[in-house]
C-alpha atoms as a PDB file:
ATOM      1  CA  MET A   1    -130.804 -35.316 -24.162  1.00  0.00           C
ATOM      2  CA  HIS A   2    -128.882 -33.520 -21.600  1.00  0.00           C
ATOM      3  CA  SER A   3    -127.027 -36.917 -20.779  1.00  0.00           C
ATOM      4  CA  ASP A   4    -126.302 -37.628 -24.544  1.00  0.00           C
ATOM      5  CA  PHE A   5    -124.871 -34.151 -25.067  1.00  0.00           C
ATOM      6  CA  SER A   6    -122.559 -34.636 -21.912  1.00  0.00           C
ATOM      7  CA  ARG A   7    -121.252 -37.815 -23.481  1.00  0.00           C
ATOM      8  CA  LEU A   8    -120.647 -36.259 -26.833  1.00  0.00           C
ATOM      9  CA  ARG A   9    -118.688 -33.426 -25.202  1.00  0.00           C
ATOM     10  CA  ALA A  10    -116.599 -35.905 -23.232  1.00  0.00           C
ATOM     11  CA  ARG A  11    -115.827 -37.877 -26.571  1.00  0.00           C
ATOM     12  CA  LEU A  12    -114.675 -34.532 -28.219  1.00  0.00           C
ATOM     13  CA  ALA A  13    -112.583 -33.629 -25.209  1.00  0.00           C
ATOM     14  CA  PHE A  14    -111.067 -36.917 -25.214  1.00  0.00           C
ATOM     15  CA  PHE A  15    -109.891 -36.598 -28.978  1.00  0.00           C
ATOM     16  CA  ARG A  16    -108.730 -33.277 -28.560  1.00  0.00           C
ATOM     17  CA  ASN A  17    -106.408 -34.259 -25.666  1.00  0.00           C
ATOM     18  CA  PHE A  18    -105.592 -37.349 -27.738  1.00  0.00           C
ATOM     19  CA  SER A  19    -104.359 -35.114 -30.542  1.00  0.00           C
ATOM     20  CA  TYR A  20    -102.516 -32.815 -28.028  1.00  0.00           C
ATOM     21  CA  ASN A  21    -100.822 -35.661 -26.673  1.00  0.00           C
ATOM     22  CA  GLU A  22     -99.767 -37.130 -29.947  1.00  0.00           C
ATOM     23  CA  GLN A  23     -98.411 -33.710 -31.059  1.00  0.00           C
ATOM     24  CA  ILE A  24     -96.167 -33.800 -27.713  1.00  0.00           C
ATOM     25  CA  LEU A  25     -95.167 -37.458 -28.430  1.00  0.00           C
ATOM     26  CA  GLN A  26     -94.042 -36.410 -32.043  1.00  0.00           C
ATOM     27  CA  ILE A  27     -92.253 -33.359 -30.879  1.00  0.00           C
ATOM     28  CA  LEU A  28     -90.167 -35.456 -28.063  1.00  0.00           C
ATOM     29  CA  THR A  29     -89.512 -38.193 -30.780  1.00  0.00           C
ATOM     30  CA  SER A  30     -88.056 -35.681 -33.106  1.00  0.00           C
ATOM     31  CA  THR A  31     -85.981 -34.083 -30.442  1.00  0.00           C
ATOM     32  CA  LEU A  32     -84.753 -37.419 -29.525  1.00  0.00           C
ATOM     33  CA  LEU A  33     -83.750 -38.247 -33.149  1.00  0.00           C
ATOM     34  CA  PHE A  34     -82.005 -34.929 -33.407  1.00  0.00           C
ATOM     35  CA  VAL A  35     -79.998 -35.352 -30.148  1.00  0.00           C
ATOM     36  CA  LYS A  36     -79.081 -38.914 -31.389  1.00  0.00           C
ATOM     37  CA  THR A  37     -77.976 -37.756 -34.915  1.00  0.00           C
ATOM     38  CA  ILE A  38     -75.752 -35.075 -33.129  1.00  0.00           C
ATOM     39  CA  LEU A  39     -74.243 -37.673 -30.701  1.00  0.00           C
ATOM     40  CA  VAL A  40     -73.604 -40.047 -33.649  1.00  0.00           C
ATOM     41  CA  ARG A  41     -71.860 -37.395 -35.630  1.00  0.00           C
ATOM     42  CA  LYS A  42     -69.757 -36.572 -32.588  1.00  0.00           C
ATOM     43  CA  GLY A  43     -68.734 -40.026 -32.085  1.00  0.00           C
ATOM     44  CA  ARG A  44     -70.651 -39.993 -28.706  1.00  0.00           C
ATOM     45  CA  PHE A  45     -73.207 -42.732 -29.725  1.00  0.00           C
ATOM     46  CA  SER A  46     -73.428 -45.452 -31.815  1.00  0.00           C
ATOM     47  CA  MET A  47     -76.030 -47.929 -32.876  1.00  0.00           C
ATOM     48  CA  ASN A  48     -73.266 -50.640 -33.235  1.00  0.00           C
ATOM     49  CA  PRO A  49     -71.704 -52.751 -30.560  1.00  0.00           C
ATOM     50  CA  ALA A  50     -67.940 -51.713 -30.130  1.00  0.00           C
ATOM     51  CA  LEU A  51     -65.517 -53.443 -32.611  1.00  0.00           C
ATOM     52  CA  CYS A  52     -62.146 -52.542 -31.163  1.00  0.00           C
ATOM     53  CA  SER A  53     -60.791 -51.824 -27.550  1.00  0.00           C
ATOM     54  CA  VAL A  54     -57.906 -49.371 -27.520  1.00  0.00           C
ATOM     55  CA  ILE A  55     -55.408 -50.180 -24.634  1.00  0.00           C
ATOM     56  CA  ILE A  56     -53.531 -47.114 -23.318  1.00  0.00           C
ATOM     57  CA  PRO A  57     -51.037 -47.475 -20.646  1.00  0.00           C
ATOM     58  CA  ALA A  58     -50.436 -44.281 -18.739  1.00  0.00           C
ATOM     59  CA  SER A  59     -47.655 -43.049 -16.097  1.00  0.00           C
ATOM     60  CA  LYS A  60     -46.892 -39.646 -15.348  1.00  0.00           C
ATOM     61  CA  ALA A  61     -48.459 -38.687 -18.619  1.00  0.00           C
ATOM     62  CA  GLU A  62     -50.251 -35.393 -17.889  1.00  0.00           C
ATOM     63  CA  ARG A  63     -48.582 -33.533 -20.598  1.00  0.00           C
ATOM     64  CA  THR A  64     -49.633 -35.629 -23.330  1.00  0.00           C
ATOM     65  CA  ILE A  65     -52.541 -37.864 -22.388  1.00  0.00           C
ATOM     66  CA  SER A  66     -55.315 -35.456 -23.360  1.00  0.00           C
ATOM     67  CA  LEU A  67     -53.955 -35.273 -27.000  1.00  0.00           C
ATOM     68  CA  ALA A  68     -54.002 -39.250 -27.258  1.00  0.00           C
ATOM     69  CA  LEU A  69     -57.608 -39.254 -25.855  1.00  0.00           C
ATOM     70  CA  ASP A  70     -58.803 -36.582 -28.062  1.00  0.00           C
ATOM     71  CA  SER A  71     -57.526 -38.451 -31.042  1.00  0.00           C
ATOM     72  CA  LEU A  72     -59.829 -41.229 -30.125  1.00  0.00           C
ATOM     73  CA  ILE A  73     -63.065 -38.991 -29.803  1.00  0.00           C
ATOM     74  CA  ALA A  74     -62.091 -37.620 -33.220  1.00  0.00           C
ATOM     75  CA  GLN A  75     -62.091 -41.202 -34.961  1.00  0.00           C
ATOM     76  CA  THR A  76     -64.260 -41.483 -37.916  1.00  0.00           C
ATOM     77  CA  CYS A  77     -65.223 -45.013 -36.680  1.00  0.00           C
ATOM     78  CA  PRO A  78     -67.140 -44.402 -33.220  1.00  0.00           C
ATOM     79  CA  ASP A  79     -67.565 -48.192 -32.518  1.00  0.00           C
ATOM     80  CA  TRP A  80     -64.472 -48.343 -30.019  1.00  0.00           C
ATOM     81  CA  ARG A  81     -64.002 -48.621 -26.231  1.00  0.00           C
ATOM     82  CA  ALA A  82     -60.947 -47.274 -24.660  1.00  0.00           C
ATOM     83  CA  PHE A  83     -59.004 -48.647 -21.405  1.00  0.00           C
ATOM     84  CA  VAL A  84     -56.832 -46.179 -19.875  1.00  0.00           C
ATOM     85  CA  ILE A  85     -54.680 -47.980 -17.305  1.00  0.00           C
ATOM     86  CA  VAL A  86     -52.979 -45.724 -14.851  1.00  0.00           C
ATOM     87  CA  ASP A  87     -49.713 -47.365 -13.828  1.00  0.00           C
ATOM     88  CA  GLY A  88     -49.931 -47.031 -10.026  1.00  0.00           C
ATOM     89  CA  PRO A  89     -50.991 -44.432  -7.757  1.00  0.00           C
ATOM     90  CA  GLU A  90     -47.505 -42.669  -7.052  1.00  0.00           C
ATOM     91  CA  GLY A  91     -46.905 -39.494  -9.003  1.00  0.00           C
ATOM     92  CA  ASN A  92     -50.142 -40.118 -11.155  1.00  0.00           C
ATOM     93  CA  ASP A  93     -52.645 -38.018  -9.550  1.00  0.00           C
ATOM     94  CA  ALA A  94     -52.822 -35.720 -12.468  1.00  0.00           C
ATOM     95  CA  THR A  95     -53.019 -38.318 -15.175  1.00  0.00           C
ATOM     96  CA  LEU A  96     -55.826 -40.059 -13.236  1.00  0.00           C
ATOM     97  CA  LYS A  97     -57.735 -37.006 -12.872  1.00  0.00           C
ATOM     98  CA  ILE A  98     -57.482 -36.006 -16.517  1.00  0.00           C
ATOM     99  CA  ALA A  99     -58.434 -39.804 -17.534  1.00  0.00           C
ATOM    100  CA  SER A 100     -61.337 -39.800 -15.071  1.00  0.00           C
ATOM    101  CA  GLY A 101     -62.651 -36.648 -16.553  1.00  0.00           C
ATOM    102  CA  TYR A 102     -62.828 -38.091 -20.139  1.00  0.00           C
ATOM    103  CA  ALA A 103     -64.731 -41.245 -18.459  1.00  0.00           C
ATOM    104  CA  VAL A 104     -67.135 -38.974 -16.889  1.00  0.00           C
ATOM    105  CA  ARG A 105     -67.793 -37.133 -20.345  1.00  0.00           C
ATOM    106  CA  ASP A 106     -67.774 -40.244 -22.563  1.00  0.00           C
ATOM    107  CA  ARG A 107     -68.754 -43.675 -21.491  1.00  0.00           C
ATOM    108  CA  ARG A 108     -66.605 -45.428 -23.970  1.00  0.00           C
ATOM    109  CA  PHE A 109     -63.675 -44.599 -21.794  1.00  0.00           C
ATOM    110  CA  GLU A 110     -62.794 -46.676 -18.928  1.00  0.00           C
ATOM    111  CA  VAL A 111     -60.088 -45.910 -16.467  1.00  0.00           C
ATOM    112  CA  LEU A 112     -58.137 -48.917 -14.515  1.00  0.00           C
ATOM    113  CA  CYS A 113     -55.806 -47.974 -11.807  1.00  0.00           C
ATOM    114  CA  ASN A 114     -52.970 -50.443 -10.858  1.00  0.00           C
ATOM    115  CA  ARG A 115     -52.445 -50.762  -7.155  1.00  0.00           C
ATOM    116  CA  ARG A 116     -48.805 -50.695  -7.935  1.00  0.00           C
ATOM    117  CA  ASN A 117     -46.434 -49.829 -10.861  1.00  0.00           C
ATOM    118  CA  LEU A 118     -46.495 -52.749 -13.157  1.00  0.00           C
ATOM    119  CA  GLY A 119     -44.817 -51.185 -16.293  1.00  0.00           C
ATOM    120  CA  ALA A 120     -46.340 -50.849 -19.578  1.00  0.00           C
ATOM    121  CA  ALA A 121     -46.240 -54.389 -20.671  1.00  0.00           C
ATOM    122  CA  ASP A 122     -48.552 -55.713 -17.891  1.00  0.00           C
ATOM    123  CA  SER A 123     -50.670 -52.707 -17.912  1.00  0.00           C
ATOM    124  CA  ARG A 124     -51.276 -53.574 -21.704  1.00  0.00           C
ATOM    125  CA  ASN A 125     -51.840 -57.012 -20.619  1.00  0.00           C
ATOM    126  CA  ARG A 126     -54.378 -55.955 -18.106  1.00  0.00           C
ATOM    127  CA  GLY A 127     -56.304 -54.055 -20.616  1.00  0.00           C
ATOM    128  CA  ALA A 128     -56.174 -56.951 -23.266  1.00  0.00           C
ATOM    129  CA  ARG A 129     -57.986 -58.995 -20.475  1.00  0.00           C
ATOM    130  CA  ALA A 130     -60.598 -56.480 -19.829  1.00  0.00           C
ATOM    131  CA  ALA A 131     -61.507 -55.889 -23.584  1.00  0.00           C
ATOM    132  CA  LYS A 132     -64.653 -57.781 -24.866  1.00  0.00           C
ATOM    133  CA  THR A 133     -64.319 -56.661 -28.428  1.00  0.00           C
ATOM    134  CA  PRO A 134     -63.278 -58.564 -31.547  1.00  0.00           C
ATOM    135  CA  TRP A 135     -60.317 -56.089 -31.974  1.00  0.00           C
ATOM    136  CA  ILE A 136     -57.415 -54.844 -29.598  1.00  0.00           C
ATOM    137  CA  ALA A 137     -55.305 -51.524 -30.560  1.00  0.00           C
ATOM    138  CA  PHE A 138     -52.653 -50.139 -28.554  1.00  0.00           C
ATOM    139  CA  LEU A 139     -52.131 -46.449 -28.000  1.00  0.00           C
ATOM    140  CA  ASP A 140     -49.182 -45.002 -25.870  1.00  0.00           C
ATOM    141  CA  SER A 141     -50.066 -41.931 -23.975  1.00  0.00           C
ATOM    142  CA  ASP A 142     -47.778 -39.787 -25.576  1.00  0.00           C
ATOM    143  CA  ASP A 143     -48.952 -40.811 -29.208  1.00  0.00           C
ATOM    144  CA  VAL A 144     -51.798 -39.815 -31.315  1.00  0.00           C
ATOM    145  CA  PHE A 145     -54.303 -41.555 -33.753  1.00  0.00           C
ATOM    146  CA  HIS A 146     -55.124 -40.142 -37.044  1.00  0.00           C
ATOM    147  CA  PRO A 147     -58.814 -39.608 -37.262  1.00  0.00           C
ATOM    148  CA  ASP A 148     -59.358 -42.637 -40.025  1.00  0.00           C
ATOM    149  CA  LYS A 149     -56.886 -44.776 -38.289  1.00  0.00           C
ATOM    150  CA  LEU A 150     -59.195 -47.554 -36.783  1.00  0.00           C
ATOM    151  CA  GLU A 151     -61.620 -47.166 -39.982  1.00  0.00           C
ATOM    152  CA  ARG A 152     -58.758 -47.852 -42.368  1.00  0.00           C
ATOM    153  CA  GLN A 153     -57.406 -50.675 -40.319  1.00  0.00           C
ATOM    154  CA  LEU A 154     -60.668 -52.402 -40.010  1.00  0.00           C
ATOM    155  CA  ALA A 155     -61.430 -52.021 -43.629  1.00  0.00           C
ATOM    156  CA  LEU A 156     -57.882 -53.577 -44.390  1.00  0.00           C
ATOM    157  CA  ALA A 157     -58.492 -56.429 -42.263  1.00  0.00           C
ATOM    158  CA  GLU A 158     -61.630 -57.355 -43.832  1.00  0.00           C
ATOM    159  CA  GLN A 159     -60.168 -56.814 -47.304  1.00  0.00           C
ATOM    160  CA  LYS A 160     -57.092 -59.219 -46.453  1.00  0.00           C
ATOM    161  CA  GLY A 161     -58.568 -61.330 -43.681  1.00  0.00           C
ATOM    162  CA  ALA A 162     -55.904 -60.409 -41.502  1.00  0.00           C
ATOM    163  CA  SER A 163     -55.419 -60.724 -37.920  1.00  0.00           C
ATOM    164  CA  PHE A 164     -52.476 -58.419 -37.307  1.00  0.00           C
ATOM    165  CA  LEU A 165     -52.350 -54.956 -38.769  1.00  0.00           C
ATOM    166  CA  CYS A 166     -49.840 -51.947 -38.506  1.00  0.00           C
ATOM    167  CA  SER A 167     -49.202 -48.897 -40.268  1.00  0.00           C
ATOM    168  CA  ALA A 168     -46.591 -46.307 -41.334  1.00  0.00           C
ATOM    169  CA  TYR A 169     -46.196 -43.465 -38.534  1.00  0.00           C
ATOM    170  CA  ASN A 170     -44.926 -39.936 -38.261  1.00  0.00           C
ATOM    171  CA  MET A 171     -42.213 -38.922 -35.746  1.00  0.00           C
ATOM    172  CA  ILE A 172     -43.150 -35.674 -34.504  1.00  0.00           C
ATOM    173  CA  SER A 173     -41.240 -33.386 -32.002  1.00  0.00           C
ATOM    174  CA  TYR A 174     -43.266 -32.156 -29.120  1.00  0.00           C
ATOM    175  CA  PRO A 175     -44.325 -29.711 -28.089  1.00  0.00           C
ATOM    176  CA  ALA A 176     -43.138 -27.837 -31.447  1.00  0.00           C
ATOM    177  CA  ARG A 177     -45.483 -30.315 -33.365  1.00  0.00           C
ATOM    178  CA  THR A 178     -43.184 -30.425 -36.302  1.00  0.00           C
ATOM    179  CA  LEU A 179     -42.466 -33.466 -38.579  1.00  0.00           C
ATOM    180  CA  CYS A 180     -39.235 -35.244 -38.015  1.00  0.00           C
ATOM    181  CA  LYS A 181     -39.366 -38.141 -40.107  1.00  0.00           C
ATOM    182  CA  VAL A 182     -41.860 -40.951 -41.611  1.00  0.00           C
ATOM    183  CA  SER A 183     -41.487 -44.302 -40.625  1.00  0.00           C
ATOM    184  CA  ARG A 184     -42.229 -46.558 -43.456  1.00  0.00           C
ATOM    185  CA  VAL A 185     -43.401 -50.001 -43.466  1.00  0.00           C
ATOM    186  CA  PRO A 186     -43.677 -52.639 -46.116  1.00  0.00           C
ATOM    187  CA  PRO A 187     -47.259 -53.712 -47.056  1.00  0.00           C
ATOM    188  CA  ARG A 188     -46.821 -57.201 -45.795  1.00  0.00           C
ATOM    189  CA  ILE A 189     -44.449 -58.210 -42.877  1.00  0.00           C
ATOM    190  CA  THR A 190     -43.356 -61.785 -42.047  1.00  0.00           C
ATOM    191  CA  ARG A 191     -41.578 -63.049 -38.990  1.00  0.00           C
ATOM    192  CA  GLY A 192     -38.369 -63.199 -40.928  1.00  0.00           C
ATOM    193  CA  ASP A 193     -38.537 -59.661 -42.137  1.00  0.00           C
ATOM    194  CA  LEU A 194     -39.309 -58.574 -38.270  1.00  0.00           C
ATOM    195  CA  ILE A 195     -36.206 -60.469 -37.120  1.00  0.00           C
ATOM    196  CA  LYS A 196     -33.996 -58.392 -39.223  1.00  0.00           C
ATOM    197  CA  TRP A 197     -35.535 -55.069 -38.204  1.00  0.00           C
ATOM    198  CA  ASN A 198     -38.763 -54.065 -36.025  1.00  0.00           C
ATOM    199  CA  SER A 199     -40.446 -51.895 -38.342  1.00  0.00           C
ATOM    200  CA  ILE A 200     -43.825 -52.143 -36.147  1.00  0.00           C
ATOM    201  CA  GLY A 201     -44.507 -49.144 -34.118  1.00  0.00           C
ATOM    202  CA  CYS A 202     -46.561 -50.328 -31.026  1.00  0.00           C
ATOM    203  CA  SER A 203     -49.226 -47.491 -31.494  1.00  0.00           C
ATOM    204  CA  THR A 204     -49.979 -48.500 -34.965  1.00  0.00           C
ATOM    205  CA  VAL A 205     -50.708 -52.110 -34.110  1.00  0.00           C
ATOM    206  CA  MET A 206     -54.408 -53.652 -34.322  1.00  0.00           C
ATOM    207  CA  LEU A 207     -54.759 -57.463 -33.377  1.00  0.00           C
ATOM    208  CA  ARG A 208     -57.677 -59.914 -33.100  1.00  0.00           C
ATOM    209  CA  SER A 209     -58.301 -60.147 -29.460  1.00  0.00           C
ATOM    210  CA  GLU A 210     -57.689 -63.894 -29.182  1.00  0.00           C
ATOM    211  CA  LEU A 211     -54.200 -63.373 -30.706  1.00  0.00           C
ATOM    212  CA  ALA A 212     -53.396 -60.557 -28.175  1.00  0.00           C
ATOM    213  CA  ARG A 213     -54.474 -62.521 -25.305  1.00  0.00           C
ATOM    214  CA  LYS A 214     -52.713 -65.664 -26.576  1.00  0.00           C
ATOM    215  CA  HIS A 215     -49.378 -63.847 -26.701  1.00  0.00           C
ATOM    216  CA  PRO A 216     -49.336 -61.359 -23.687  1.00  0.00           C
ATOM    217  CA  MET A 217     -46.389 -59.064 -23.542  1.00  0.00           C
ATOM    218  CA  ASP A 218     -43.456 -60.139 -21.332  1.00  0.00           C
ATOM    219  CA  ALA A 219     -42.638 -57.661 -18.684  1.00  0.00           C
ATOM    220  CA  ARG A 220     -39.228 -59.291 -18.280  1.00  0.00           C
ATOM    221  CA  ALA A 221     -38.112 -58.245 -21.792  1.00  0.00           C
ATOM    222  CA  ILE A 222     -36.822 -54.868 -22.767  1.00  0.00           C
ATOM    223  CA  HIS A 223     -38.579 -54.817 -26.029  1.00  0.00           C
ATOM    224  CA  GLU A 224     -41.701 -56.451 -24.863  1.00  0.00           C
ATOM    225  CA  ASP A 225     -43.768 -55.226 -27.725  1.00  0.00           C
ATOM    226  CA  TYR A 226     -41.057 -56.407 -30.304  1.00  0.00           C
ATOM    227  CA  LEU A 227     -41.282 -60.062 -28.652  1.00  0.00           C
ATOM    228  CA  CYS A 228     -45.123 -59.875 -28.729  1.00  0.00           C
ATOM    229  CA  TRP A 229     -45.101 -59.035 -32.553  1.00  0.00           C
ATOM    230  CA  LEU A 230     -42.625 -61.821 -33.369  1.00  0.00           C
ATOM    231  CA  GLN A 231     -44.685 -64.575 -31.306  1.00  0.00           C
ATOM    232  CA  CYS A 232     -47.792 -63.281 -33.179  1.00  0.00           C
ATOM    233  CA  LEU A 233     -46.160 -63.557 -36.414  1.00  0.00           C
ATOM    234  CA  GLN A 234     -45.361 -67.296 -35.895  1.00  0.00           C
ATOM    235  CA  GLU A 235     -49.445 -67.574 -36.588  1.00  0.00           C
ATOM    236  CA  CYS A 236     -49.981 -64.965 -39.254  1.00  0.00           C
ATOM    237  CA  ASP A 237     -48.157 -62.295 -41.369  1.00  0.00           C
ATOM    238  CA  CYS A 238     -48.992 -58.681 -40.493  1.00  0.00           C
ATOM    239  CA  PHE A 239     -50.600 -56.369 -43.167  1.00  0.00           C
ATOM    240  CA  ALA A 240     -49.915 -52.918 -42.942  1.00  0.00           C
ATOM    241  CA  CYS A 241     -51.326 -49.454 -44.258  1.00  0.00           C
ATOM    242  CA  GLN A 242     -48.850 -47.460 -46.414  1.00  0.00           C
ATOM    243  CA  GLU A 243     -50.100 -44.222 -45.224  1.00  0.00           C
ATOM    244  CA  SER A 244     -49.339 -42.821 -41.683  1.00  0.00           C
ATOM    245  CA  LEU A 245     -52.040 -43.385 -39.380  1.00  0.00           C
ATOM    246  CA  THR A 246     -50.221 -42.554 -36.024  1.00  0.00           C
ATOM    247  CA  ASP A 247     -48.108 -39.750 -34.708  1.00  0.00           C
ATOM    248  CA  THR A 248     -45.459 -40.620 -32.268  1.00  0.00           C
ATOM    249  CA  LEU A 249     -44.472 -37.684 -30.255  1.00  0.00           C
ATOM    250  CA  ILE A 250     -40.717 -37.201 -29.538  1.00  0.00           C
ATOM    251  CA  LEU A 251     -40.466 -35.628 -25.893  1.00  0.00           C
ATOM    252  CA  PRO A 252     -37.573 -33.511 -25.113  1.00  0.00           C
ATOM    253  CA  GLY A 253     -34.711 -35.777 -24.145  1.00  0.00           C
ATOM    254  CA  SER A 254     -36.260 -39.046 -25.378  1.00  0.00           C
ATOM    255  CA  ARG A 255     -33.673 -39.496 -28.044  1.00  0.00           C
ATOM    256  CA  ASN A 256     -31.043 -39.717 -25.497  1.00  0.00           C
ATOM    257  CA  HIS A 257     -32.483 -42.649 -23.750  1.00  0.00           C
ATOM    258  CA  SER A 258     -30.011 -45.538 -23.595  1.00  0.00           C
ATOM    259  CA  LYS A 259     -29.196 -46.944 -27.041  1.00  0.00           C
ATOM    260  CA  LEU A 260     -26.796 -49.276 -25.463  1.00  0.00           C
ATOM    261  CA  ARG A 261     -29.929 -50.786 -23.257  1.00  0.00           C
ATOM    262  CA  ALA A 262     -32.122 -50.725 -26.449  1.00  0.00           C
ATOM    263  CA  ALA A 263     -29.436 -52.852 -28.216  1.00  0.00           C
ATOM    264  CA  ARG A 264     -28.993 -55.004 -25.310  1.00  0.00           C
ATOM    265  CA  GLY A 265     -32.749 -55.816 -25.439  1.00  0.00           C
ATOM    266  CA  VAL A 266     -32.552 -56.737 -29.050  1.00  0.00           C
ATOM    267  CA  TRP A 267     -29.634 -59.183 -28.466  1.00  0.00           C
ATOM    268  CA  GLU A 268     -31.575 -60.773 -25.611  1.00  0.00           C
ATOM    269  CA  ILE A 269     -34.478 -61.440 -27.849  1.00  0.00           C
ATOM    270  CA  TYR A 270     -32.003 -63.097 -30.563  1.00  0.00           C
ATOM    271  CA  ARG A 271     -30.212 -65.095 -28.260  1.00  0.00           C
ATOM    272  CA  GLN A 272     -32.479 -66.008 -25.411  1.00  0.00           C
ATOM    273  CA  HIS A 273     -35.994 -66.035 -27.111  1.00  0.00           C
ATOM    274  CA  LEU A 274     -35.213 -66.825 -30.715  1.00  0.00           C
ATOM    275  CA  GLY A 275     -32.282 -69.172 -29.898  1.00  0.00           C
ATOM    276  CA  LEU A 276     -30.097 -67.588 -32.622  1.00  0.00           C
ATOM    277  CA  SER A 277     -26.445 -68.504 -32.771  1.00  0.00           C
ATOM    278  CA  ALA A 278     -23.941 -65.742 -31.665  1.00  0.00           C
ATOM    279  CA  LEU A 279     -22.885 -65.492 -35.383  1.00  0.00           C
ATOM    280  CA  ARG A 280     -26.196 -65.037 -36.679  1.00  0.00           C
ATOM    281  CA  SER A 281     -27.111 -62.515 -33.772  1.00  0.00           C
ATOM    282  CA  ILE A 282     -24.074 -60.513 -34.564  1.00  0.00           C
ATOM    283  CA  GLU A 283     -25.157 -60.298 -38.212  1.00  0.00           C
ATOM    284  CA  TYR A 284     -28.609 -59.163 -37.381  1.00  0.00           C
ATOM    285  CA  MET A 285     -27.212 -56.818 -34.774  1.00  0.00           C
ATOM    286  CA  CYS A 286     -25.197 -54.981 -37.222  1.00  0.00           C
ATOM    287  CA  GLY A 287     -28.075 -54.773 -39.633  1.00  0.00           C
ATOM    288  CA  TYR A 288     -30.170 -53.387 -36.623  1.00  0.00           C
ATOM    289  CA  ALA A 289     -27.469 -50.755 -35.781  1.00  0.00           C
ATOM    290  CA  ILE A 290     -27.348 -49.299 -39.518  1.00  0.00           C
ATOM    291  CA  ARG A 291     -31.339 -49.234 -39.490  1.00  0.00           C
ATOM    292  CA  GLY A 292     -31.479 -47.614 -36.281  1.00  0.00           C
ATOM    293  CA  PHE A 293     -28.897 -44.935 -37.241  1.00  0.00           C
ATOM    294  CA  LEU A 294     -30.506 -44.140 -40.479  1.00  0.00           C
ATOM    295  CA  LYS A 295     -34.173 -43.981 -38.640  1.00  0.00           C
ATOM    296  CA  TYR A 296     -32.884 -40.760 -36.781  1.00  0.00           C
ATOM    297  CA  ILE A 297     -30.902 -39.002 -39.706  1.00  0.00           C
END
């Protein structure tokens, strides 16, 4: 009798412990779900694989790189990865420290440091090679994405079946952060359109990964991004969001960079890469000069 009573008491104790453990499990599960919900809302966690890799070359960018990286964290589409390519150790200690801090706090960031200065073109190419996502986007370290930039372009890509996308962008004075001008783009850009005028801002571009890797940027070209877009447009047109999805920051003195060198870069593309005649190149250069003047008035 005493033995039966002991067994009954042991069974009751087991069920009491089971109920207690079940309550703890439910509390832990609810807590984890709550934390995951908060992380999803903040873009720190996603149930989906990354869709787009954002390539960010950075050199002596300590003044503005936090603005660029914060604009990624603010994206309404959280399914991205970012490769910050710090261009060489010389003079980039502050930039590397800032970028590394973001990588510690958010695992979607990865920092790659070039052993020597490679320039923006080869830094972007390195990031494109590292990317494992269907899409690649470019973001300069002194530019800023609008919060819906990636989401809007991914939706447009699905709607149009596009492999190459861009958008309008705002030209913003820095550090005042006042709007100087909106750079508009047509809804669809062909290679013929782009030869006449490069309306595509680098930080507005999203490309299929295979297209970006097939046409890497040429570090020997002055306008390596312009040449890359022209090569991509041999295979497909570029579809554009008409609204501004990127802010390009105009730093003090940036408008004073060599206009002669920029014009020489366009002439080089016309003559050496596109094989245009001197007469046709002069015709296009006249249009380029007029549009360049209108862009900044």
